[in-house]
């Protein structure tokens, strides 16, 4: 994959040098400046939500959330140990409130808990990847924050389209994994 990225970067720089040689350095510097600025602006958004997640964990709210989500999680992922179930619940909750970066550590811990040491991914591991890839969100905080930073008049107007466009693929993904595994089990 790194070779593909290297080829893309070199070909982009070559194309820029051929078509607009005077702007190569200026364009690279502007892109770097924009990237750093965006990262600095995101620090505030992530600091708030990561802090909220830590407070939830310290107040044992994460444990209560795990209990609320435990039935659906057990139904979707099967029986897992309590720590893995908690990490799955926190991963899903982080995605739901739109902070995918906070969801990543919980997802990694959940995936490690689901790993049985086989060379193949289990049904539960594939289900976790599907749910994370479809990224169900009820409150897209990162996107709303980006829109606000960009000067949008109504940064939260994307709320309903986001809910619909993330909820439907998540349900479809869960159903597809269930159907495929049911057929695999049936066919041996």
N, C-alpha and C. Protein backbone atom coordinates (compact mmCIF):
# COMPACT_ATOMS: atom_id res chain seq x y z
N UNK A 1 0.82 -1.19 0.00
CA UNK A 1 0.00 0.00 0.00
C UNK A 1 0.87 1.26 0.00
N UNK A 2 1.99 1.20 0.73
CA UNK A 2 2.86 2.37 0.77
C UNK A 2 3.44 2.67 -0.61
N UNK A 3 3.68 1.65 -1.41
CA UNK A 3 4.19 1.87 -2.76
C UNK A 3 3.17 2.62 -3.61
N UNK A 4 1.90 2.30 -3.43
CA UNK A 4 0.84 2.99 -4.17
C UNK A 4 0.83 4.47 -3.81
N UNK A 5 0.92 4.77 -2.49
CA UNK A 5 0.92 6.16 -2.05
C UNK A 5 2.13 6.91 -2.59
N UNK A 6 3.28 6.26 -2.58
CA UNK A 6 4.49 6.90 -3.09
C UNK A 6 4.32 7.24 -4.57
N UNK A 7 3.79 6.29 -5.35
CA UNK A 7 3.56 6.52 -6.78
C UNK A 7 2.57 7.67 -6.98
N UNK A 8 1.51 7.70 -6.18
CA UNK A 8 0.52 8.77 -6.30
C UNK A 8 1.13 10.13 -5.98
N UNK A 9 1.93 10.21 -4.93
CA UNK A 9 2.53 11.48 -4.54
C UNK A 9 3.52 11.95 -5.62
N UNK A 10 4.37 11.05 -6.09
CA UNK A 10 5.36 11.43 -7.10
C UNK A 10 4.68 11.84 -8.40
N UNK A 11 3.65 11.09 -8.82
CA UNK A 11 2.96 11.45 -10.06
C UNK A 11 2.22 12.79 -9.91
N UNK A 12 1.68 13.07 -8.73
CA UNK A 12 1.01 14.35 -8.50
C UNK A 12 2.01 15.50 -8.56
N UNK A 13 3.16 15.32 -7.93
CA UNK A 13 4.19 16.36 -7.97
C UNK A 13 4.72 16.58 -9.39
N UNK A 14 4.88 15.49 -10.14
CA UNK A 14 5.34 15.61 -11.53
C UNK A 14 4.30 16.36 -12.37
N UNK A 15 3.03 16.01 -12.19
CA UNK A 15 1.97 16.70 -12.94
C UNK A 15 1.93 18.18 -12.59
N UNK A 16 2.07 18.49 -11.31
CA UNK A 16 2.07 19.89 -10.88
C UNK A 16 3.29 20.62 -11.45
N UNK A 17 4.46 19.96 -11.46
CA UNK A 17 5.67 20.57 -12.00
C UNK A 17 5.55 20.82 -13.50
N UNK A 18 4.85 19.93 -14.22
CA UNK A 18 4.71 20.09 -15.67
C UNK A 18 3.70 21.18 -16.00
N UNK A 19 2.56 21.16 -15.33
CA UNK A 19 1.48 22.07 -15.68
C UNK A 19 1.56 23.43 -15.00
N UNK A 20 2.20 23.48 -13.83
CA UNK A 20 2.31 24.75 -13.12
C UNK A 20 3.58 24.75 -12.28
N UNK A 21 4.74 24.80 -12.93
CA UNK A 21 6.01 24.66 -12.20
C UNK A 21 6.27 25.76 -11.16
N UNK A 22 5.72 26.94 -11.36
CA UNK A 22 5.98 28.03 -10.42
C UNK A 22 5.21 27.87 -9.11
N UNK A 23 4.21 27.00 -9.11
CA UNK A 23 3.37 26.85 -7.91
C UNK A 23 3.65 25.59 -7.11
N UNK A 24 4.67 24.80 -7.48
CA UNK A 24 4.94 23.54 -6.78
C UNK A 24 5.20 23.77 -5.30
N UNK A 25 6.18 24.58 -4.97
CA UNK A 25 6.54 24.81 -3.57
C UNK A 25 5.43 25.53 -2.83
N UNK A 26 4.83 26.53 -3.47
CA UNK A 26 3.75 27.29 -2.83
C UNK A 26 2.55 26.41 -2.51
N UNK A 27 2.20 25.53 -3.43
CA UNK A 27 1.07 24.63 -3.21
C UNK A 27 1.37 23.64 -2.08
N UNK A 28 2.60 23.11 -2.07
CA UNK A 28 2.97 22.18 -1.00
C UNK A 28 2.95 22.87 0.37
N UNK A 29 3.46 24.07 0.44
CA UNK A 29 3.48 24.80 1.71
C UNK A 29 2.07 25.17 2.17
N UNK A 30 1.22 25.56 1.24
CA UNK A 30 -0.17 25.91 1.59
C UNK A 30 -0.91 24.68 2.10
N UNK A 31 -0.70 23.53 1.47
CA UNK A 31 -1.35 22.30 1.91
C UNK A 31 -0.87 21.90 3.30
N UNK A 32 0.44 22.03 3.54
CA UNK A 32 0.98 21.70 4.87
C UNK A 32 0.42 22.64 5.93
N UNK A 33 0.34 23.93 5.61
CA UNK A 33 -0.21 24.92 6.55
C UNK A 33 -1.67 24.59 6.87
N UNK A 34 -2.44 24.26 5.84
CA UNK A 34 -3.86 23.94 6.04
C UNK A 34 -4.02 22.67 6.90
N UNK A 35 -3.14 21.68 6.67
CA UNK A 35 -3.20 20.46 7.46
C UNK A 35 -2.91 20.71 8.93
N UNK A 36 -1.89 21.50 9.22
CA UNK A 36 -1.53 21.82 10.60
C UNK A 36 -2.64 22.63 11.27
N UNK A 37 -3.19 23.60 10.55
CA UNK A 37 -4.28 24.42 11.10
C UNK A 37 -5.48 23.56 11.45
N UNK A 38 -5.83 22.65 10.56
CA UNK A 38 -6.98 21.78 10.82
C UNK A 38 -6.73 20.89 12.03
N UNK A 39 -5.51 20.36 12.16
CA UNK A 39 -5.19 19.53 13.32
C UNK A 39 -5.32 20.32 14.63
N UNK A 40 -4.82 21.54 14.63
CA UNK A 40 -4.91 22.37 15.83
C UNK A 40 -6.37 22.66 16.19
N UNK A 41 -7.20 22.93 15.17
CA UNK A 41 -8.61 23.21 15.44
C UNK A 41 -9.33 21.97 15.98
N UNK A 42 -8.91 20.78 15.54
CA UNK A 42 -9.55 19.56 16.01
C UNK A 42 -9.18 19.21 17.45
N UNK A 43 -8.07 19.73 17.92
CA UNK A 43 -7.65 19.43 19.29
C UNK A 43 -8.75 19.80 20.28
N UNK A 44 -9.38 20.93 20.10
CA UNK A 44 -10.46 21.36 21.01
C UNK A 44 -11.64 20.42 20.99
N UNK A 45 -12.07 20.04 19.79
CA UNK A 45 -13.21 19.13 19.66
C UNK A 45 -12.91 17.80 20.33
N UNK A 46 -11.75 17.23 20.02
CA UNK A 46 -11.41 15.93 20.58
C UNK A 46 -11.13 15.99 22.07
N UNK A 47 -10.55 17.08 22.54
CA UNK A 47 -10.28 17.20 23.97
C UNK A 47 -11.59 17.16 24.76
N UNK A 48 -12.59 17.87 24.27
CA UNK A 48 -13.89 17.87 24.96
C UNK A 48 -14.49 16.48 25.00
N UNK A 49 -14.58 15.83 23.86
CA UNK A 49 -15.26 14.53 23.82
C UNK A 49 -14.45 13.42 24.45
N UNK A 50 -13.12 13.45 24.34
CA UNK A 50 -12.30 12.46 25.04
C UNK A 50 -12.41 12.66 26.54
N UNK A 51 -12.51 13.92 26.97
CA UNK A 51 -12.72 14.20 28.39
C UNK A 51 -14.05 13.67 28.88
N UNK A 52 -15.08 13.85 28.06
CA UNK A 52 -16.40 13.32 28.43
C UNK A 52 -16.36 11.80 28.54
N UNK A 53 -15.67 11.15 27.60
CA UNK A 53 -15.56 9.69 27.66
C UNK A 53 -14.79 9.25 28.91
N UNK A 54 -13.75 10.00 29.29
CA UNK A 54 -12.99 9.66 30.49
C UNK A 54 -13.84 9.85 31.74
N UNK A 55 -14.61 10.94 31.80
CA UNK A 55 -15.51 11.17 32.93
C UNK A 55 -16.55 10.04 33.01
N UNK A 56 -17.07 9.65 31.84
CA UNK A 56 -18.02 8.53 31.82
C UNK A 56 -17.39 7.28 32.39
N UNK A 57 -16.13 7.04 32.04
CA UNK A 57 -15.44 5.85 32.53
C UNK A 57 -15.18 5.95 34.02
N UNK A 58 -14.75 7.14 34.50
CA UNK A 58 -14.47 7.33 35.92
C UNK A 58 -15.73 7.24 36.78
N UNK A 59 -16.86 7.69 36.25
CA UNK A 59 -18.12 7.66 37.00
C UNK A 59 -18.87 6.34 36.83
N UNK A 60 -18.24 5.40 36.19
CA UNK A 60 -18.83 4.08 35.93
C UNK A 60 -20.04 4.15 35.00
N UNK A 61 -20.19 5.29 34.31
CA UNK A 61 -21.27 5.39 33.31
C UNK A 61 -21.02 4.43 32.15
N UNK A 62 -19.74 4.19 31.86
CA UNK A 62 -19.42 3.25 30.79
C UNK A 62 -19.91 1.85 31.14
N UNK A 63 -19.84 1.51 32.43
CA UNK A 63 -20.34 0.21 32.88
C UNK A 63 -21.86 0.15 32.71
N UNK A 64 -22.54 1.25 33.05
CA UNK A 64 -23.99 1.30 32.88
C UNK A 64 -24.38 1.25 31.40
N UNK A 65 -23.61 1.95 30.58
CA UNK A 65 -23.84 1.92 29.13
C UNK A 65 -23.65 0.51 28.60
N UNK A 66 -22.63 -0.16 29.12
CA UNK A 66 -22.40 -1.55 28.71
C UNK A 66 -23.59 -2.44 29.07
N UNK A 67 -24.17 -2.20 30.25
CA UNK A 67 -25.34 -2.99 30.65
C UNK A 67 -26.53 -2.72 29.74
N UNK A 68 -26.72 -1.44 29.36
CA UNK A 68 -27.84 -1.09 28.47
C UNK A 68 -27.66 -1.72 27.11
N UNK A 69 -26.43 -1.65 26.59
CA UNK A 69 -26.16 -2.17 25.26
C UNK A 69 -25.80 -3.66 25.25
N UNK A 70 -25.71 -4.28 26.42
CA UNK A 70 -25.24 -5.67 26.48
C UNK A 70 -26.14 -6.64 25.73
N UNK A 71 -27.44 -6.48 25.83
CA UNK A 71 -28.34 -7.38 25.10
C UNK A 71 -28.14 -7.31 23.60
N UNK A 72 -28.22 -6.08 23.01
CA UNK A 72 -27.97 -6.02 21.56
C UNK A 72 -26.56 -6.48 21.17
N UNK A 73 -25.57 -6.14 22.00
CA UNK A 73 -24.20 -6.54 21.70
C UNK A 73 -24.06 -8.06 21.76
N UNK A 74 -24.65 -8.69 22.76
CA UNK A 74 -24.61 -10.15 22.86
C UNK A 74 -25.33 -10.80 21.69
N UNK A 75 -26.42 -10.19 21.27
CA UNK A 75 -27.17 -10.74 20.14
C UNK A 75 -26.36 -10.62 18.84
N UNK A 76 -25.73 -9.47 18.66
CA UNK A 76 -24.98 -9.23 17.42
C UNK A 76 -23.62 -9.93 17.42
N UNK A 77 -22.91 -9.89 18.56
CA UNK A 77 -21.54 -10.40 18.61
C UNK A 77 -21.41 -11.78 19.24
N UNK A 78 -22.46 -12.26 19.86
CA UNK A 78 -22.36 -13.53 20.57
C UNK A 78 -21.80 -13.30 21.97
N UNK A 79 -21.57 -14.36 22.69
CA UNK A 79 -21.09 -14.28 24.07
C UNK A 79 -19.61 -13.92 24.09
N UNK A 80 -19.28 -12.85 24.83
CA UNK A 80 -17.88 -12.42 25.02
C UNK A 80 -17.67 -12.14 26.49
N UNK A 81 -16.41 -11.94 26.87
CA UNK A 81 -16.14 -11.61 28.27
C UNK A 81 -16.57 -10.16 28.54
N UNK A 82 -16.69 -9.82 29.81
CA UNK A 82 -17.22 -8.51 30.22
C UNK A 82 -16.38 -7.34 29.71
N UNK A 83 -15.07 -7.46 29.74
CA UNK A 83 -14.19 -6.37 29.30
C UNK A 83 -14.32 -6.14 27.80
N UNK A 84 -14.37 -7.21 27.03
CA UNK A 84 -14.53 -7.09 25.58
C UNK A 84 -15.88 -6.47 25.26
N UNK A 85 -16.90 -6.91 25.95
CA UNK A 85 -18.24 -6.36 25.74
C UNK A 85 -18.28 -4.87 26.05
N UNK A 86 -17.62 -4.47 27.15
CA UNK A 86 -17.55 -3.05 27.52
C UNK A 86 -16.84 -2.25 26.43
N UNK A 87 -15.73 -2.79 25.91
CA UNK A 87 -14.99 -2.09 24.85
C UNK A 87 -15.81 -1.99 23.57
N UNK A 88 -16.56 -3.02 23.23
CA UNK A 88 -17.44 -2.96 22.06
C UNK A 88 -18.48 -1.87 22.26
N UNK A 89 -19.09 -1.84 23.44
CA UNK A 89 -20.13 -0.84 23.73
C UNK A 89 -19.56 0.58 23.67
N UNK A 90 -18.37 0.79 24.24
CA UNK A 90 -17.76 2.12 24.22
C UNK A 90 -17.35 2.50 22.80
N UNK A 91 -16.90 1.54 22.02
CA UNK A 91 -16.56 1.80 20.63
C UNK A 91 -17.79 2.26 19.85
N UNK A 92 -18.87 1.53 20.02
CA UNK A 92 -20.12 1.88 19.32
C UNK A 92 -20.64 3.23 19.81
N UNK A 93 -20.60 3.46 21.14
CA UNK A 93 -21.08 4.74 21.70
C UNK A 93 -20.25 5.91 21.18
N UNK A 94 -18.93 5.74 21.10
CA UNK A 94 -18.08 6.81 20.58
C UNK A 94 -18.41 7.12 19.13
N UNK A 95 -18.65 6.09 18.33
CA UNK A 95 -19.04 6.32 16.94
C UNK A 95 -20.40 7.00 16.85
N UNK A 96 -21.32 6.61 17.71
CA UNK A 96 -22.66 7.18 17.68
C UNK A 96 -22.63 8.68 17.93
N UNK A 97 -21.77 9.13 18.86
CA UNK A 97 -21.71 10.56 19.13
C UNK A 97 -20.70 11.27 18.23
N UNK A 98 -20.18 10.57 17.24
CA UNK A 98 -19.41 11.21 16.19
C UNK A 98 -17.94 11.44 16.47
N UNK A 99 -17.37 10.72 17.42
CA UNK A 99 -15.95 10.88 17.69
C UNK A 99 -15.23 9.56 17.39
N UNK A 100 -15.07 9.31 16.12
CA UNK A 100 -14.44 8.09 15.66
C UNK A 100 -13.03 7.90 16.18
N UNK A 101 -12.30 9.00 16.40
CA UNK A 101 -10.94 8.88 16.92
C UNK A 101 -10.95 8.35 18.35
N UNK A 102 -11.95 8.69 19.12
CA UNK A 102 -12.06 8.15 20.48
C UNK A 102 -12.50 6.70 20.44
N UNK A 103 -13.20 6.31 19.38
CA UNK A 103 -13.67 4.94 19.24
C UNK A 103 -12.54 3.97 18.92
N UNK A 104 -11.50 4.46 18.28
CA UNK A 104 -10.42 3.59 17.81
C UNK A 104 -9.74 2.79 18.93
N UNK A 105 -9.32 3.40 20.06
CA UNK A 105 -8.69 2.59 21.11
C UNK A 105 -9.62 1.51 21.65
N UNK A 106 -10.90 1.84 21.80
CA UNK A 106 -11.85 0.84 22.29
C UNK A 106 -12.04 -0.27 21.26
N UNK A 107 -12.05 0.09 20.00
CA UNK A 107 -12.18 -0.90 18.94
C UNK A 107 -11.00 -1.85 18.89
N UNK A 108 -9.80 -1.30 19.08
CA UNK A 108 -8.60 -2.15 19.09
C UNK A 108 -8.63 -3.11 20.27
N UNK A 109 -9.00 -2.60 21.45
CA UNK A 109 -9.09 -3.47 22.63
C UNK A 109 -10.18 -4.53 22.45
N UNK A 110 -11.30 -4.13 21.85
CA UNK A 110 -12.38 -5.09 21.60
C UNK A 110 -11.93 -6.16 20.62
N UNK A 111 -11.22 -5.76 19.57
CA UNK A 111 -10.75 -6.71 18.57
C UNK A 111 -9.76 -7.69 19.21
N UNK A 112 -8.89 -7.19 20.10
CA UNK A 112 -7.96 -8.08 20.80
C UNK A 112 -8.70 -9.06 21.68
N UNK A 113 -9.80 -8.62 22.30
CA UNK A 113 -10.60 -9.52 23.13
C UNK A 113 -11.36 -10.55 22.32
N UNK A 114 -11.73 -10.18 21.09
CA UNK A 114 -12.46 -11.11 20.22
C UNK A 114 -11.54 -12.11 19.52
N UNK A 115 -10.25 -11.79 19.46
CA UNK A 115 -9.28 -12.65 18.76
C UNK A 115 -9.08 -13.94 19.57
N UNK A 116 -9.33 -15.04 18.92
CA UNK A 116 -9.17 -16.35 19.57
C UNK A 116 -7.85 -17.02 19.19
N UNK A 117 -6.99 -16.30 18.50
CA UNK A 117 -5.70 -16.85 18.12
C UNK A 117 -5.72 -17.62 16.81
N UNK A 118 -6.88 -17.68 16.15
CA UNK A 118 -6.97 -18.36 14.86
C UNK A 118 -6.37 -17.47 13.77
N UNK A 119 -6.12 -18.08 12.64
CA UNK A 119 -5.62 -17.29 11.51
C UNK A 119 -6.75 -16.62 10.76
N UNK A 120 -7.98 -17.00 11.04
CA UNK A 120 -9.15 -16.41 10.39
C UNK A 120 -9.89 -15.49 11.34
N UNK A 121 -10.49 -14.47 10.75
CA UNK A 121 -11.32 -13.57 11.55
C UNK A 121 -12.61 -14.28 11.93
N UNK A 122 -13.03 -14.08 13.16
CA UNK A 122 -14.28 -14.69 13.61
C UNK A 122 -15.46 -13.84 13.12
N UNK A 123 -16.65 -14.39 13.26
CA UNK A 123 -17.86 -13.67 12.88
C UNK A 123 -17.96 -12.35 13.65
N UNK A 124 -17.65 -12.41 14.95
CA UNK A 124 -17.73 -11.21 15.80
C UNK A 124 -16.72 -10.15 15.35
N UNK A 125 -15.53 -10.57 14.96
CA UNK A 125 -14.51 -9.62 14.49
C UNK A 125 -14.97 -8.94 13.20
N UNK A 126 -15.53 -9.73 12.30
CA UNK A 126 -16.02 -9.17 11.04
C UNK A 126 -17.18 -8.22 11.31
N UNK A 127 -18.05 -8.59 12.24
CA UNK A 127 -19.18 -7.73 12.59
C UNK A 127 -18.69 -6.40 13.15
N UNK A 128 -17.65 -6.42 13.99
CA UNK A 128 -17.11 -5.18 14.54
C UNK A 128 -16.53 -4.30 13.44
N UNK A 129 -15.83 -4.90 12.49
CA UNK A 129 -15.28 -4.13 11.37
C UNK A 129 -16.40 -3.52 10.54
N UNK A 130 -17.46 -4.29 10.28
CA UNK A 130 -18.59 -3.78 9.49
C UNK A 130 -19.27 -2.62 10.21
N UNK A 131 -19.53 -2.77 11.49
CA UNK A 131 -20.20 -1.70 12.25
C UNK A 131 -19.33 -0.45 12.30
N UNK A 132 -18.02 -0.62 12.46
CA UNK A 132 -17.12 0.54 12.47
C UNK A 132 -16.99 1.17 11.09
N UNK A 133 -17.00 0.35 10.06
CA UNK A 133 -16.87 0.88 8.70
C UNK A 133 -18.10 1.68 8.27
N UNK A 134 -19.27 1.22 8.69
CA UNK A 134 -20.48 1.95 8.33
C UNK A 134 -20.68 3.16 9.23
N UNK A 135 -20.09 3.14 10.42
CA UNK A 135 -20.01 4.31 11.29
C UNK A 135 -21.32 4.97 11.65
N UNK A 136 -22.23 4.24 12.26
CA UNK A 136 -23.52 4.82 12.65
C UNK A 136 -23.30 6.02 13.57
N UNK A 137 -23.95 7.13 13.26
CA UNK A 137 -23.81 8.35 14.05
C UNK A 137 -25.17 8.99 14.29
N UNK A 138 -25.44 9.31 15.54
CA UNK A 138 -26.62 10.09 15.87
C UNK A 138 -26.26 11.56 16.03
N UNK A 139 -25.02 11.81 16.40
CA UNK A 139 -24.55 13.18 16.59
C UNK A 139 -23.17 13.30 15.95
N UNK A 140 -23.09 13.76 14.72
CA UNK A 140 -21.80 13.86 14.02
C UNK A 140 -20.99 15.07 14.49
N UNK A 141 -20.47 15.00 15.71
CA UNK A 141 -19.81 16.14 16.33
C UNK A 141 -18.60 16.63 15.54
N UNK A 142 -17.80 15.72 15.02
CA UNK A 142 -16.61 16.14 14.27
C UNK A 142 -16.98 16.91 13.02
N UNK A 143 -17.94 16.41 12.27
CA UNK A 143 -18.35 17.08 11.04
C UNK A 143 -19.02 18.41 11.35
N UNK A 144 -19.84 18.45 12.38
CA UNK A 144 -20.48 19.71 12.78
C UNK A 144 -19.40 20.71 13.19
N UNK A 145 -18.39 20.25 13.94
CA UNK A 145 -17.28 21.12 14.33
C UNK A 145 -16.51 21.63 13.12
N UNK A 146 -16.26 20.76 12.14
CA UNK A 146 -15.56 21.18 10.93
C UNK A 146 -16.37 22.23 10.17
N UNK A 147 -17.67 22.00 10.07
CA UNK A 147 -18.53 22.96 9.37
C UNK A 147 -18.56 24.30 10.10
N UNK A 148 -18.57 24.27 11.43
CA UNK A 148 -18.57 25.51 12.20
C UNK A 148 -17.24 26.25 12.01
N UNK A 149 -16.12 25.50 12.01
CA UNK A 149 -14.81 26.13 11.81
C UNK A 149 -14.69 26.74 10.41
N UNK A 150 -15.39 26.14 9.45
CA UNK A 150 -15.33 26.64 8.07
C UNK A 150 -16.28 27.81 7.85
N UNK A 151 -17.06 28.18 8.88
CA UNK A 151 -17.94 29.33 8.79
C UNK A 151 -19.33 29.03 8.25
N UNK A 152 -19.78 27.79 8.40
CA UNK A 152 -21.12 27.43 7.93
C UNK A 152 -22.19 28.20 8.69
N UNK A 153 -23.23 28.61 7.99
CA UNK A 153 -24.34 29.32 8.62
C UNK A 153 -25.12 28.38 9.53
N UNK A 154 -25.29 27.15 9.08
CA UNK A 154 -26.03 26.16 9.86
C UNK A 154 -25.23 24.84 9.89
N UNK A 155 -24.24 24.75 10.77
CA UNK A 155 -23.37 23.57 10.77
C UNK A 155 -24.09 22.27 11.14
N UNK A 156 -25.20 22.36 11.86
CA UNK A 156 -25.89 21.13 12.28
C UNK A 156 -27.01 20.70 11.34
N UNK A 157 -27.13 21.34 10.19
CA UNK A 157 -28.20 20.96 9.26
C UNK A 157 -27.97 19.57 8.65
N UNK A 158 -26.82 18.99 8.88
CA UNK A 158 -26.51 17.67 8.34
C UNK A 158 -26.96 16.55 9.28
N UNK A 159 -27.61 16.89 10.38
CA UNK A 159 -27.96 15.91 11.40
C UNK A 159 -28.82 14.78 10.86
N UNK A 160 -29.96 15.08 10.27
CA UNK A 160 -30.86 14.03 9.78
C UNK A 160 -30.29 13.26 8.60
N UNK A 161 -29.70 13.93 7.62
CA UNK A 161 -29.08 13.14 6.54
C UNK A 161 -27.99 12.20 7.04
N UNK A 162 -27.24 12.64 8.06
CA UNK A 162 -26.18 11.79 8.61
C UNK A 162 -26.78 10.58 9.31
N UNK A 163 -27.82 10.80 10.09
CA UNK A 163 -28.46 9.68 10.79
C UNK A 163 -28.95 8.64 9.79
N UNK A 164 -29.66 9.09 8.75
CA UNK A 164 -30.20 8.17 7.76
C UNK A 164 -29.08 7.48 6.99
N UNK A 165 -28.08 8.26 6.56
CA UNK A 165 -27.03 7.69 5.72
C UNK A 165 -26.05 6.81 6.48
N UNK A 166 -26.07 6.82 7.80
CA UNK A 166 -25.23 5.90 8.57
C UNK A 166 -26.03 4.76 9.18
N UNK A 167 -27.28 5.01 9.51
CA UNK A 167 -28.10 3.98 10.13
C UNK A 167 -28.44 2.86 9.15
N UNK A 168 -28.86 3.22 7.95
CA UNK A 168 -29.25 2.21 6.97
C UNK A 168 -28.10 1.29 6.56
N UNK A 169 -26.92 1.80 6.23
CA UNK A 169 -25.82 0.89 5.89
C UNK A 169 -25.40 0.00 7.07
N UNK A 170 -25.49 0.52 8.28
CA UNK A 170 -25.14 -0.31 9.45
C UNK A 170 -26.09 -1.48 9.58
N UNK A 171 -27.38 -1.23 9.48
CA UNK A 171 -28.37 -2.31 9.56
C UNK A 171 -28.15 -3.30 8.41
N UNK A 172 -27.95 -2.79 7.21
CA UNK A 172 -27.71 -3.65 6.06
C UNK A 172 -26.45 -4.48 6.25
N UNK A 173 -25.37 -3.87 6.75
CA UNK A 173 -24.12 -4.60 6.99
C UNK A 173 -24.29 -5.71 8.01
N UNK A 174 -25.01 -5.42 9.10
CA UNK A 174 -25.25 -6.44 10.13
C UNK A 174 -26.05 -7.60 9.53
N UNK A 175 -27.07 -7.28 8.77
CA UNK A 175 -27.89 -8.32 8.14
C UNK A 175 -27.08 -9.15 7.14
N UNK A 176 -26.24 -8.50 6.35
CA UNK A 176 -25.43 -9.24 5.37
C UNK A 176 -24.44 -10.19 6.05
N UNK A 177 -23.79 -9.74 7.10
CA UNK A 177 -22.86 -10.62 7.82
C UNK A 177 -23.62 -11.81 8.40
N UNK A 178 -24.80 -11.54 8.99
CA UNK A 178 -25.60 -12.62 9.56
C UNK A 178 -26.03 -13.62 8.49
N UNK A 179 -26.48 -13.13 7.35
CA UNK A 179 -26.93 -14.02 6.27
C UNK A 179 -25.77 -14.85 5.72
N UNK A 180 -24.64 -14.20 5.49
CA UNK A 180 -23.48 -14.91 4.95
C UNK A 180 -23.01 -15.99 5.91
N UNK A 181 -22.93 -15.67 7.19
CA UNK A 181 -22.49 -16.67 8.15
C UNK A 181 -23.52 -17.79 8.35
N UNK A 182 -24.78 -17.47 8.24
CA UNK A 182 -25.80 -18.50 8.33
C UNK A 182 -25.67 -19.47 7.15
N UNK A 183 -25.43 -18.93 5.96
CA UNK A 183 -25.25 -19.79 4.78
C UNK A 183 -23.98 -20.62 4.89
N UNK A 184 -22.91 -20.02 5.37
CA UNK A 184 -21.65 -20.77 5.55
C UNK A 184 -21.82 -21.91 6.54
N UNK A 185 -22.55 -21.63 7.61
CA UNK A 185 -22.79 -22.64 8.63
C UNK A 185 -23.65 -23.77 8.06
N UNK A 186 -24.64 -23.39 7.27
CA UNK A 186 -25.56 -24.36 6.67
C UNK A 186 -24.82 -25.26 5.66
N UNK A 187 -23.94 -24.66 4.87
CA UNK A 187 -23.20 -25.40 3.85
C UNK A 187 -21.97 -26.14 4.39
N UNK A 188 -21.66 -25.90 5.66
CA UNK A 188 -20.54 -26.61 6.28
C UNK A 188 -19.29 -25.89 6.04
